[in-house]
């Protein structure tokens, strides 16, 4: 499999994981003091950052 295909698959997986984490965080309610919710929100931020980096790599390959 080419690196472009691998990165594309990884991008899709990151998007799906992010959606799952958001669902879990939302399921914890609106309590900003909930440590589990805070951790899940941090995971969401990190996954979003990873997805952006993968997208940047894909753009570089396609330039």
PDB file of N, CA and C in Angstrom:
ATOM      1  N   UNK A   1       0.847  -1.170   0.000  1.00  0.00           N
ATOM      2  CA  UNK A   1       0.000   0.000   0.000  1.00  0.00           C
ATOM      3  C   UNK A   1       0.896   1.237   0.000  1.00  0.00           C
ATOM      4  N   UNK A   2       0.519   2.235  -0.763  1.00  0.00           N
ATOM      5  CA  UNK A   2       1.320   3.451  -0.862  1.00  0.00           C
ATOM      6  C   UNK A   2       1.195   4.285   0.408  1.00  0.00           C
ATOM      7  N   UNK A   3       2.150   5.173   0.597  1.00  0.00           N
ATOM      8  CA  UNK A   3       2.102   6.030   1.784  1.00  0.00           C
ATOM      9  C   UNK A   3       0.870   6.929   1.744  1.00  0.00           C
ATOM     10  N   UNK A   4       0.461   7.371   0.558  1.00  0.00           N
ATOM     11  CA  UNK A   4      -0.736   8.200   0.456  1.00  0.00           C
ATOM     12  C   UNK A   4      -1.967   7.431   0.925  1.00  0.00           C
ATOM     13  N   UNK A   5      -2.074   6.192   0.501  1.00  0.00           N
ATOM     14  CA  UNK A   5      -3.205   5.360   0.927  1.00  0.00           C
ATOM     15  C   UNK A   5      -3.155   5.096   2.421  1.00  0.00           C
ATOM     16  N   UNK A   6      -1.980   4.844   2.948  1.00  0.00           N
ATOM     17  CA  UNK A   6      -1.827   4.601   4.391  1.00  0.00           C
ATOM     18  C   UNK A   6      -2.230   5.830   5.192  1.00  0.00           C
ATOM     19  N   UNK A   7      -1.746   7.006   4.754  1.00  0.00           N
ATOM     20  CA  UNK A   7      -2.084   8.235   5.470  1.00  0.00           C
ATOM     21  C   UNK A   7      -3.572   8.553   5.360  1.00  0.00           C
ATOM     22  N   UNK A   8      -4.151   8.265   4.222  1.00  0.00           N
ATOM     23  CA  UNK A   8      -5.583   8.480   4.049  1.00  0.00           C
ATOM     24  C   UNK A   8      -6.383   7.574   4.989  1.00  0.00           C
ATOM     25  N   UNK A   9      -5.982   6.325   5.087  1.00  0.00           N
ATOM     26  CA  UNK A   9      -6.646   5.396   6.002  1.00  0.00           C
ATOM     27  C   UNK A   9      -6.468   5.838   7.451  1.00  0.00           C
ATOM     28  N   UNK A  10      -5.287   6.307   7.775  1.00  0.00           N
ATOM     29  CA  UNK A  10      -5.014   6.800   9.124  1.00  0.00           C
ATOM     30  C   UNK A  10      -5.873   8.019   9.430  1.00  0.00           C
ATOM     31  N   UNK A  11      -6.025   8.904   8.463  1.00  0.00           N
ATOM     32  CA  UNK A  11      -6.864  10.088   8.631  1.00  0.00           C
ATOM     33  C   UNK A  11      -8.305   9.697   8.940  1.00  0.00           C
ATOM     34  N   UNK A  12      -8.805   8.737   8.206  1.00  0.00           N
ATOM     35  CA  UNK A  12     -10.164   8.246   8.443  1.00  0.00           C
ATOM     36  C   UNK A  12     -10.291   7.654   9.835  1.00  0.00           C
ATOM     37  N   UNK A  13      -9.318   6.850  10.237  1.00  0.00           N
ATOM     38  CA  UNK A  13      -9.342   6.230  11.562  1.00  0.00           C
ATOM     39  C   UNK A  13      -9.311   7.288  12.665  1.00  0.00           C
ATOM     40  N   UNK A  14      -8.486   8.314  12.493  1.00  0.00           N
ATOM     41  CA  UNK A  14      -8.414   9.384  13.489  1.00  0.00           C
ATOM     42  C   UNK A  14      -9.743  10.122  13.590  1.00  0.00           C
ATOM     43  N   UNK A  15     -10.380  10.382  12.461  1.00  0.00           N
ATOM     44  CA  UNK A  15     -11.685  11.043  12.473  1.00  0.00           C
ATOM     45  C   UNK A  15     -12.722  10.202  13.216  1.00  0.00           C
ATOM     46  N   UNK A  16     -12.704   8.899  12.965  1.00  0.00           N
ATOM     47  CA  UNK A  16     -13.650   8.006  13.635  1.00  0.00           C
ATOM     48  C   UNK A  16     -13.380   7.936  15.140  1.00  0.00           C
ATOM     49  N   UNK A  17     -12.117   7.844  15.517  1.00  0.00           N
ATOM     50  CA  UNK A  17     -11.766   7.829  16.941  1.00  0.00           C
ATOM     51  C   UNK A  17     -12.165   9.123  17.632  1.00  0.00           C
ATOM     52  N   UNK A  18     -11.930  10.225  16.952  1.00  0.00           N
ATOM     53  CA  UNK A  18     -12.300  11.522  17.524  1.00  0.00           C
ATOM     54  C   UNK A  18     -13.795  11.582  17.779  1.00  0.00           C
ATOM     55  N   UNK A  19     -14.583  11.134  16.817  1.00  0.00           N
ATOM     56  CA  UNK A  19     -16.041  11.129  16.984  1.00  0.00           C
ATOM     57  C   UNK A  19     -16.458  10.257  18.163  1.00  0.00           C
ATOM     58  N   UNK A  20     -15.811   9.131  18.343  1.00  0.00           N
ATOM     59  CA  UNK A  20     -16.132   8.248  19.470  1.00  0.00           C
ATOM     60  C   UNK A  20     -15.791   8.901  20.798  1.00  0.00           C
ATOM     61  N   UNK A  21     -14.640   9.556  20.851  1.00  0.00           N
ATOM     62  CA  UNK A  21     -14.222  10.218  22.082  1.00  0.00           C
ATOM     63  C   UNK A  21     -15.164  11.373  22.416  1.00  0.00           C
ATOM     64  N   UNK A  22     -15.558  12.135  21.396  1.00  0.00           N
ATOM     65  CA  UNK A  22     -16.516  13.229  21.613  1.00  0.00           C
ATOM     66  C   UNK A  22     -17.821  12.678  22.175  1.00  0.00           C
ATOM     67  N   UNK A  23     -18.289  11.575  21.617  1.00  0.00           N
ATOM     68  CA  UNK A  23     -19.510  10.948  22.116  1.00  0.00           C
ATOM     69  C   UNK A  23     -19.399  10.541  23.568  1.00  0.00           C
ATOM     70  N   UNK A  24     -18.260   9.989  23.925  1.00  0.00           N
ATOM     71  CA  UNK A  24     -18.045   9.604  25.322  1.00  0.00           C
ATOM     72  C   UNK A  24     -18.018  10.822  26.234  1.00  0.00           C
ATOM     73  N   UNK A  25     -17.323  11.866  25.815  1.00  0.00           N
ATOM     74  CA  UNK A  25     -17.240  13.089  26.617  1.00  0.00           C
ATOM     75  C   UNK A  25     -18.623  13.713  26.779  1.00  0.00           C
ATOM     76  N   UNK A  26     -19.364  13.785  25.684  1.00  0.00           N
ATOM     77  CA  UNK A  26     -20.711  14.355  25.745  1.00  0.00           C
ATOM     78  C   UNK A  26     -21.621  13.534  26.657  1.00  0.00           C
ATOM     79  N   UNK A  27     -21.412  12.242  26.666  1.00  0.00           N
ATOM     80  CA  UNK A  27     -22.204  11.362  27.511  1.00  0.00           C
ATOM     81  C   UNK A  27     -21.949  11.558  28.998  1.00  0.00           C
ATOM     82  N   UNK A  28     -20.846  12.209  29.320  1.00  0.00           N
ATOM     83  CA  UNK A  28     -20.522  12.476  30.731  1.00  0.00           C
ATOM     84  C   UNK A  28     -21.290  13.665  31.277  1.00  0.00           C
ATOM     85  N   UNK A  29     -22.011  14.372  30.412  1.00  0.00           N
ATOM     86  CA  UNK A  29     -22.786  15.532  30.856  1.00  0.00           C
ATOM     87  C   UNK A  29     -22.000  16.812  30.686  1.00  0.00           C
ATOM     88  N   UNK A  30     -22.511  17.872  31.310  1.00  0.00           N
ATOM     89  CA  UNK A  30     -21.930  19.206  31.130  1.00  0.00           C
ATOM     90  C   UNK A  30     -21.094  19.643  32.331  1.00  0.00           C
ATOM     91  N   UNK A  31     -20.766  18.732  33.222  1.00  0.00           N
ATOM     92  CA  UNK A  31     -19.998  19.079  34.417  1.00  0.00           C
ATOM     93  C   UNK A  31     -18.536  19.310  34.053  1.00  0.00           C
ATOM     94  N   UNK A  32     -18.134  20.586  34.040  1.00  0.00           N
ATOM     95  CA  UNK A  32     -16.756  20.925  33.687  1.00  0.00           C
ATOM     96  C   UNK A  32     -15.752  20.468  34.737  1.00  0.00           C
ATOM     97  N   UNK A  33     -16.223  20.075  35.892  1.00  0.00           N
ATOM     98  CA  UNK A  33     -15.342  19.601  36.966  1.00  0.00           C
ATOM     99  C   UNK A  33     -15.115  18.085  36.900  1.00  0.00           C
ATOM    100  N   UNK A  34     -15.794  17.408  36.002  1.00  0.00           N
ATOM    101  CA  UNK A  34     -15.665  15.956  35.856  1.00  0.00           C
ATOM    102  C   UNK A  34     -14.287  15.633  35.278  1.00  0.00           C
ATOM    103  N   UNK A  35     -13.427  14.956  36.054  1.00  0.00           N
ATOM    104  CA  UNK A  35     -12.071  14.681  35.564  1.00  0.00           C
ATOM    105  C   UNK A  35     -12.038  13.743  34.352  1.00  0.00           C
ATOM    106  N   UNK A  36     -12.982  12.834  34.260  1.00  0.00           N
ATOM    107  CA  UNK A  36     -13.033  11.926  33.109  1.00  0.00           C
ATOM    108  C   UNK A  36     -13.388  12.720  31.856  1.00  0.00           C
ATOM    109  N   UNK A  37     -14.367  13.591  31.972  1.00  0.00           N
ATOM    110  CA  UNK A  37     -14.753  14.435  30.831  1.00  0.00           C
ATOM    111  C   UNK A  37     -13.576  15.312  30.401  1.00  0.00           C
ATOM    112  N   UNK A  38     -12.875  15.872  31.357  1.00  0.00           N
ATOM    113  CA  UNK A  38     -11.714  16.714  31.040  1.00  0.00           C
ATOM    114  C   UNK A  38     -10.640  15.902  30.317  1.00  0.00           C
ATOM    115  N   UNK A  39     -10.402  14.692  30.779  1.00  0.00           N
ATOM    116  CA  UNK A  39      -9.418  13.827  30.118  1.00  0.00           C
ATOM    117  C   UNK A  39      -9.847  13.500  28.695  1.00  0.00           C
ATOM    118  N   UNK A  40     -11.121  13.193  28.519  1.00  0.00           N
ATOM    119  CA  UNK A  40     -11.621  12.877  27.181  1.00  0.00           C
ATOM    120  C   UNK A  40     -11.523  14.084  26.255  1.00  0.00           C
ATOM    121  N   UNK A  41     -11.761  15.273  26.781  1.00  0.00           N
ATOM    122  CA  UNK A  41     -11.617  16.479  25.964  1.00  0.00           C
ATOM    123  C   UNK A  41     -10.161  16.691  25.561  1.00  0.00           C
ATOM    124  N   UNK A  42      -9.236  16.366  26.444  1.00  0.00           N
ATOM    125  CA  UNK A  42      -7.814  16.469  26.096  1.00  0.00           C
ATOM    126  C   UNK A  42      -7.460  15.446  25.019  1.00  0.00           C
ATOM    127  N   UNK A  43      -7.975  14.245  25.136  1.00  0.00           N
ATOM    128  CA  UNK A  43      -7.751  13.223  24.110  1.00  0.00           C
ATOM    129  C   UNK A  43      -8.296  13.715  22.770  1.00  0.00           C
ATOM    130  N   UNK A  44      -9.482  14.326  22.798  1.00  0.00           N
ATOM    131  CA  UNK A  44     -10.057  14.877  21.570  1.00  0.00           C
ATOM    132  C   UNK A  44      -9.122  15.915  20.948  1.00  0.00           C
ATOM    133  N   UNK A  45      -8.588  16.800  21.759  1.00  0.00           N
ATOM    134  CA  UNK A  45      -7.665  17.822  21.236  1.00  0.00           C
ATOM    135  C   UNK A  45      -6.435  17.181  20.601  1.00  0.00           C
ATOM    136  N   UNK A  46      -5.891  16.175  21.259  1.00  0.00           N
ATOM    137  CA  UNK A  46      -4.695  15.509  20.731  1.00  0.00           C
ATOM    138  C   UNK A  46      -4.994  14.761  19.434  1.00  0.00           C
ATOM    139  N   UNK A  47      -6.136  14.098  19.370  1.00  0.00           N
ATOM    140  CA  UNK A  47      -6.512  13.394  18.143  1.00  0.00           C
ATOM    141  C   UNK A  47      -6.745  14.376  16.997  1.00  0.00           C
ATOM    142  N   UNK A  48      -7.359  15.514  17.313  1.00  0.00           N
ATOM    143  CA  UNK A  48      -7.585  16.543  16.295  1.00  0.00           C
ATOM    144  C   UNK A  48      -6.254  17.079  15.781  1.00  0.00           C
ATOM    145  N   UNK A  49      -5.323  17.295  16.685  1.00  0.00           N
ATOM    146  CA  UNK A  49      -3.993  17.755  16.282  1.00  0.00           C
ATOM    147  C   UNK A  49      -3.306  16.711  15.397  1.00  0.00           C
ATOM    148  N   UNK A  50      -3.410  15.453  15.774  1.00  0.00           N
ATOM    149  CA  UNK A  50      -2.810  14.382  14.971  1.00  0.00           C
ATOM    150  C   UNK A  50      -3.445  14.333  13.585  1.00  0.00           C
ATOM    151  N   UNK A  51      -4.762  14.491  13.520  1.00  0.00           N
ATOM    152  CA  UNK A  51      -5.452  14.473  12.223  1.00  0.00           C
ATOM    153  C   UNK A  51      -4.982  15.625  11.343  1.00  0.00           C
ATOM    154  N   UNK A  52      -4.761  16.786  11.940  1.00  0.00           N
ATOM    155  CA  UNK A  52      -4.268  17.931  11.167  1.00  0.00           C
ATOM    156  C   UNK A  52      -2.866  17.670  10.623  1.00  0.00           C
ATOM    157  N   UNK A  53      -2.030  17.041  11.427  1.00  0.00           N
ATOM    158  CA  UNK A  53      -0.666  16.748  10.974  1.00  0.00           C
ATOM    159  C   UNK A  53      -0.675  15.733   9.844  1.00  0.00           C
ATOM    160  N   UNK A  54      -1.531  14.735   9.948  1.00  0.00           N
ATOM    161  CA  UNK A  54      -1.648  13.744   8.874  1.00  0.00           C
ATOM    162  C   UNK A  54      -2.158  14.422   7.605  1.00  0.00           C
ATOM    163  N   UNK A  55      -3.152  15.292   7.740  1.00  0.00           N
ATOM    164  CA  UNK A  55      -3.678  16.012   6.575  1.00  0.00           C
ATOM    165  C   UNK A  55      -2.594  16.879   5.939  1.00  0.00           C
ATOM    166  N   UNK A  56      -1.783  17.498   6.767  1.00  0.00           N
ATOM    167  CA  UNK A  56      -0.678  18.315   6.245  1.00  0.00           C
ATOM    168  C   UNK A  56       0.303  17.443   5.464  1.00  0.00           C
ATOM    169  N   UNK A  57       0.601  16.276   5.987  1.00  0.00           N
ATOM    170  CA  UNK A  57       1.496  15.355   5.281  1.00  0.00           C
ATOM    171  C   UNK A  57       0.909  14.931   3.945  1.00  0.00           C
ATOM    172  N   UNK A  58      -0.396  14.650   3.927  1.00  0.00           N
ATOM    173  CA  UNK A  58      -1.056  14.276   2.674  1.00  0.00           C
ATOM    174  C   UNK A  58      -0.985  15.415   1.658  1.00  0.00           C
ATOM    175  N   UNK A  59      -1.220  16.627   2.115  1.00  0.00           N
ATOM    176  CA  UNK A  59      -1.129  17.778   1.206  1.00  0.00           C
ATOM    177  C   UNK A  59       0.281  17.921   0.645  1.00  0.00           C
ATOM    178  N   UNK A  60       1.283  17.703   1.490  1.00  0.00           N
ATOM    179  CA  UNK A  60       2.675  17.802   1.038  1.00  0.00           C
ATOM    180  C   UNK A  60       2.991  16.748  -0.015  1.00  0.00           C
ATOM    181  N   UNK A  61       2.471  15.563   0.174  1.00  0.00           N
ATOM    182  CA  UNK A  61       2.706  14.484  -0.795  1.00  0.00           C
ATOM    183  C   UNK A  61       2.026  14.776  -2.131  1.00  0.00           C
ATOM    184  N   UNK A  62       0.893  15.441  -2.076  1.00  0.00           N
ATOM    185  CA  UNK A  62       0.107  15.699  -3.275  1.00  0.00           C
ATOM    186  C   UNK A  62       0.475  17.013  -3.947  1.00  0.00           C
ATOM    187  N   UNK A  63       1.424  17.748  -3.357  1.00  0.00           N
ATOM    188  CA  UNK A  63       1.799  19.048  -3.939  1.00  0.00           C
ATOM    189  C   UNK A  63       2.771  18.890  -5.079  1.00  0.00           C
TER     190      UNK A  63
END
